[in-house]
Amino acid sequence: MSRGFVKEDDQEEVPMVPPRAHLPAGVPNYVTQAGMDELLAEQQALMNEKENLDISSENERRIAVNHITAKLQLLNDRINEARIINLEEQPKDEIRFGATVTIKTEGTNDIQTFQIVGVDETDISRGKISFLSPLARVMTNKKVGDIVVLKRPKGDHVFEIMDINYI
C-alpha cells in the first residue's frame, strides 16, 4: 500500500541515532582487548534493554525498539570491523597503538600520561586518546627521550617522551 493512503498518525517515526565516533573510510577499526570488551558489554546492554522494555503503548514500544535496533546495527558494524591489537606483541621501546605514554611538556614541565586507543575507546577524562588524534600521530614510532612537536595554529607544543608502557 502506498504511504499516501496511510493515516498520518500511523506513519512510523524514523529513529534518529547519533553516529558513533568518526572512523574515516578505509581506516582499520583498531581496538584493544579492553576496548572490545567494552563494545561487547555495550552490545549486551542494548540487547537487554530491548528485551526488557516496559512500555505499554504499542506505538511507543515500536519506536523504542526501532531506536535500539538502529543503535545495535551501528555497534555491530563496529564490532564486526574491529581488529584487536595484542599489546604484548607491540615493540616495548616504541610508541604504537595501545601504548601508555608519559610525556613532559616543554616550558611548563607538566607531566601527562595517556593511552593510545581506538576511536570507540577514546575518553580524555580516563586518559585515553584516539590513535587518529594529532598527538598520537606525531608520537607514533617515537622512543623514550625523543622530542616531538605538535604543530598548532596558536603555536607549537613540544613534548619529551618520558615513558612507554603496554599494560
Protein backbone atom coordinates (compact mmCIF):
# COMPACT_ATOMS: atom_id res chain seq x y z
CA MET A 1 0.00 0.00 0.00
CA SER A 2 1.26 3.45 -0.88
CA ARG A 3 2.20 5.69 2.07
CA GLY A 4 -0.25 8.20 0.59
CA PHE A 5 -3.12 6.02 1.84
CA VAL A 6 -1.87 5.71 5.42
CA LYS A 7 -3.20 7.98 8.12
CA GLU A 8 -0.63 10.49 9.33
CA ASP A 9 -0.82 9.07 12.89
CA ASP A 10 0.08 5.60 11.57
CA GLN A 11 3.31 6.64 9.90
CA GLU A 12 6.40 5.14 11.52
CA GLU A 13 8.77 7.63 13.10
CA VAL A 14 12.31 7.17 11.80
CA PRO A 15 14.67 6.85 14.77
CA MET A 16 17.39 9.49 14.98
CA VAL A 17 20.53 7.75 16.19
CA PRO A 18 23.71 9.74 16.65
CA PRO A 19 26.65 8.32 14.74
CA ARG A 20 29.45 6.54 16.57
CA ALA A 21 32.88 8.15 16.87
CA HIS A 22 34.24 9.10 13.44
CA LEU A 23 36.37 6.50 11.70
CA PRO A 24 37.47 7.63 8.22
CA ALA A 25 36.68 5.33 5.31
CA GLY A 26 39.40 2.78 4.72
CA VAL A 27 40.96 3.19 8.19
CA PRO A 28 41.01 -0.08 10.17
CA ASN A 29 38.97 -0.14 13.37
CA TYR A 30 41.80 -0.95 15.77
CA VAL A 31 40.78 -1.76 19.34
CA THR A 32 42.49 -3.00 22.46
CA GLN A 33 41.09 -6.12 24.12
CA ALA A 34 39.65 -3.85 26.83
CA GLY A 35 38.01 -1.78 24.09
CA MET A 36 36.47 -4.88 22.51
CA ASP A 37 35.21 -5.96 25.92
CA GLU A 38 33.56 -2.53 26.31
CA LEU A 39 31.92 -2.82 22.87
CA LEU A 40 30.59 -6.29 23.69
CA ALA A 41 29.28 -5.07 27.06
CA GLU A 42 27.53 -2.18 25.31
CA GLN A 43 26.03 -4.65 22.83
CA GLN A 44 24.74 -6.86 25.66
CA ALA A 45 23.30 -3.85 27.49
CA LEU A 46 21.40 -2.75 24.37
CA MET A 47 20.05 -6.27 23.81
CA ASN A 48 18.94 -6.43 27.44
CA GLU A 49 17.31 -3.01 27.15
CA LYS A 50 15.46 -4.13 24.03
CA GLU A 51 14.22 -7.33 25.70
CA ASN A 52 13.13 -5.59 28.89
CA LEU A 53 11.30 -2.58 27.51
CA ASP A 54 8.46 -1.69 29.84
CA ILE A 55 6.27 0.37 27.54
CA SER A 56 2.54 -0.27 27.35
CA SER A 57 1.81 1.77 24.21
CA GLU A 58 2.45 -0.41 21.15
CA ASN A 59 3.41 2.62 19.06
CA GLU A 60 5.90 3.89 21.65
CA ARG A 61 7.27 0.39 22.08
CA ARG A 62 7.80 0.01 18.32
CA ILE A 63 9.60 3.37 18.18
CA ALA A 64 11.83 2.39 21.13
CA VAL A 65 12.62 -1.00 19.57
CA ASN A 66 13.49 0.68 16.25
CA HIS A 67 15.79 3.13 18.04
CA ILE A 68 17.63 0.38 19.92
CA THR A 69 17.83 -1.75 16.77
CA ALA A 70 19.40 1.16 14.87
CA LYS A 71 21.96 1.69 17.67
CA LEU A 72 22.71 -2.05 17.67
CA GLN A 73 23.25 -2.05 13.92
CA LEU A 74 25.87 0.72 14.16
CA LEU A 75 27.53 -1.04 17.10
CA ASN A 76 27.50 -4.44 15.39
CA ASP A 77 29.15 -2.91 12.33
CA ARG A 78 31.95 -1.59 14.57
CA ILE A 79 32.35 -4.93 16.34
CA ASN A 80 32.45 -6.83 13.03
CA GLU A 81 35.11 -4.45 11.65
CA ALA A 82 37.22 -4.42 14.83
CA ARG A 83 40.82 -5.58 14.74
CA ILE A 84 42.08 -6.39 18.21
CA ILE A 85 45.72 -5.41 18.67
CA ASN A 86 47.61 -7.64 21.08
CA LEU A 87 49.55 -5.21 23.28
CA GLU A 88 52.04 -7.91 24.23
CA GLU A 89 53.16 -8.06 20.60
CA GLN A 90 53.85 -4.33 20.33
CA PRO A 91 57.53 -3.20 20.43
CA LYS A 92 58.16 -2.25 24.05
CA ASP A 93 60.54 0.60 23.22
CA GLU A 94 58.37 2.39 20.61
CA ILE A 95 55.03 4.16 20.73
CA ARG A 96 52.41 2.21 18.82
CA PHE A 97 48.70 1.53 19.17
CA GLY A 98 47.83 0.62 22.76
CA ALA A 99 50.88 2.29 24.31
CA THR A 100 50.51 4.11 27.60
CA VAL A 101 52.74 7.13 27.19
CA THR A 102 54.08 9.64 29.71
CA ILE A 103 55.15 12.97 28.28
CA LYS A 104 56.61 16.17 29.70
CA THR A 105 55.58 19.49 28.17
CA GLU A 106 58.49 21.76 27.33
CA GLY A 107 58.35 25.08 29.14
CA THR A 108 55.89 24.07 31.85
CA ASN A 109 57.32 20.65 32.72
CA ASP A 110 53.73 19.37 33.07
CA ILE A 111 53.62 15.58 33.08
CA GLN A 112 50.75 13.77 31.36
CA THR A 113 50.05 10.08 30.91
CA PHE A 114 47.60 8.66 28.41
CA GLN A 115 46.92 5.53 26.38
CA ILE A 116 46.56 5.46 22.59
CA VAL A 117 43.36 3.55 21.82
CA GLY A 118 40.63 3.04 19.20
CA VAL A 119 38.05 5.64 18.31
CA ASP A 120 35.28 3.97 20.33
CA GLU A 121 37.53 3.73 23.40
CA THR A 122 38.57 7.37 23.41
CA ASP A 123 37.81 9.15 26.68
CA ILE A 124 40.12 12.00 27.61
CA SER A 125 38.78 12.03 31.20
CA ARG A 126 40.17 8.48 31.56
CA GLY A 127 43.45 9.33 29.81
CA LYS A 128 42.57 7.58 26.54
CA ILE A 129 43.21 9.31 23.21
CA SER A 130 42.40 8.11 19.70
CA PHE A 131 45.16 6.70 17.51
CA LEU A 132 43.86 9.17 14.89
CA SER A 133 44.43 12.23 17.10
CA PRO A 134 47.18 14.65 16.06
CA LEU A 135 49.12 13.97 19.27
CA ALA A 136 49.05 10.19 18.79
CA ARG A 137 50.09 10.56 15.16
CA VAL A 138 53.19 12.66 15.91
CA MET A 139 54.23 10.25 18.66
CA THR A 140 53.85 7.01 16.72
CA ASN A 141 57.20 5.19 16.33
CA LYS A 142 58.94 7.52 18.82
CA LYS A 143 61.04 6.29 21.75
CA VAL A 144 61.80 7.38 25.31
CA GLY A 145 63.86 10.57 25.23
CA ASP A 146 62.58 11.67 21.82
CA ILE A 147 61.25 15.19 21.42
CA VAL A 148 58.03 15.60 19.44
CA VAL A 149 56.46 18.77 18.13
CA LEU A 150 52.72 19.10 17.78
CA LYS A 151 52.06 21.88 15.27
CA ARG A 152 49.11 24.04 16.34
CA PRO A 153 47.68 27.23 14.79
CA LYS A 154 48.32 29.18 18.02
CA GLY A 155 51.83 27.85 18.44
CA ASP A 156 53.68 24.58 18.56
CA HIS A 157 53.63 22.31 21.60
CA VAL A 158 56.87 20.48 22.32
CA PHE A 159 56.92 17.28 24.36
CA GLU A 160 59.55 14.87 25.60
CA ILE A 161 58.69 11.18 25.73
CA MET A 162 59.34 10.11 29.34
CA ASP A 163 57.95 6.56 29.42
CA ILE A 164 56.29 3.95 27.21
CA ASN A 165 54.36 1.06 28.65
CA TYR A 166 51.96 -1.57 27.37
CA ILE A 167 49.70 -2.58 30.27
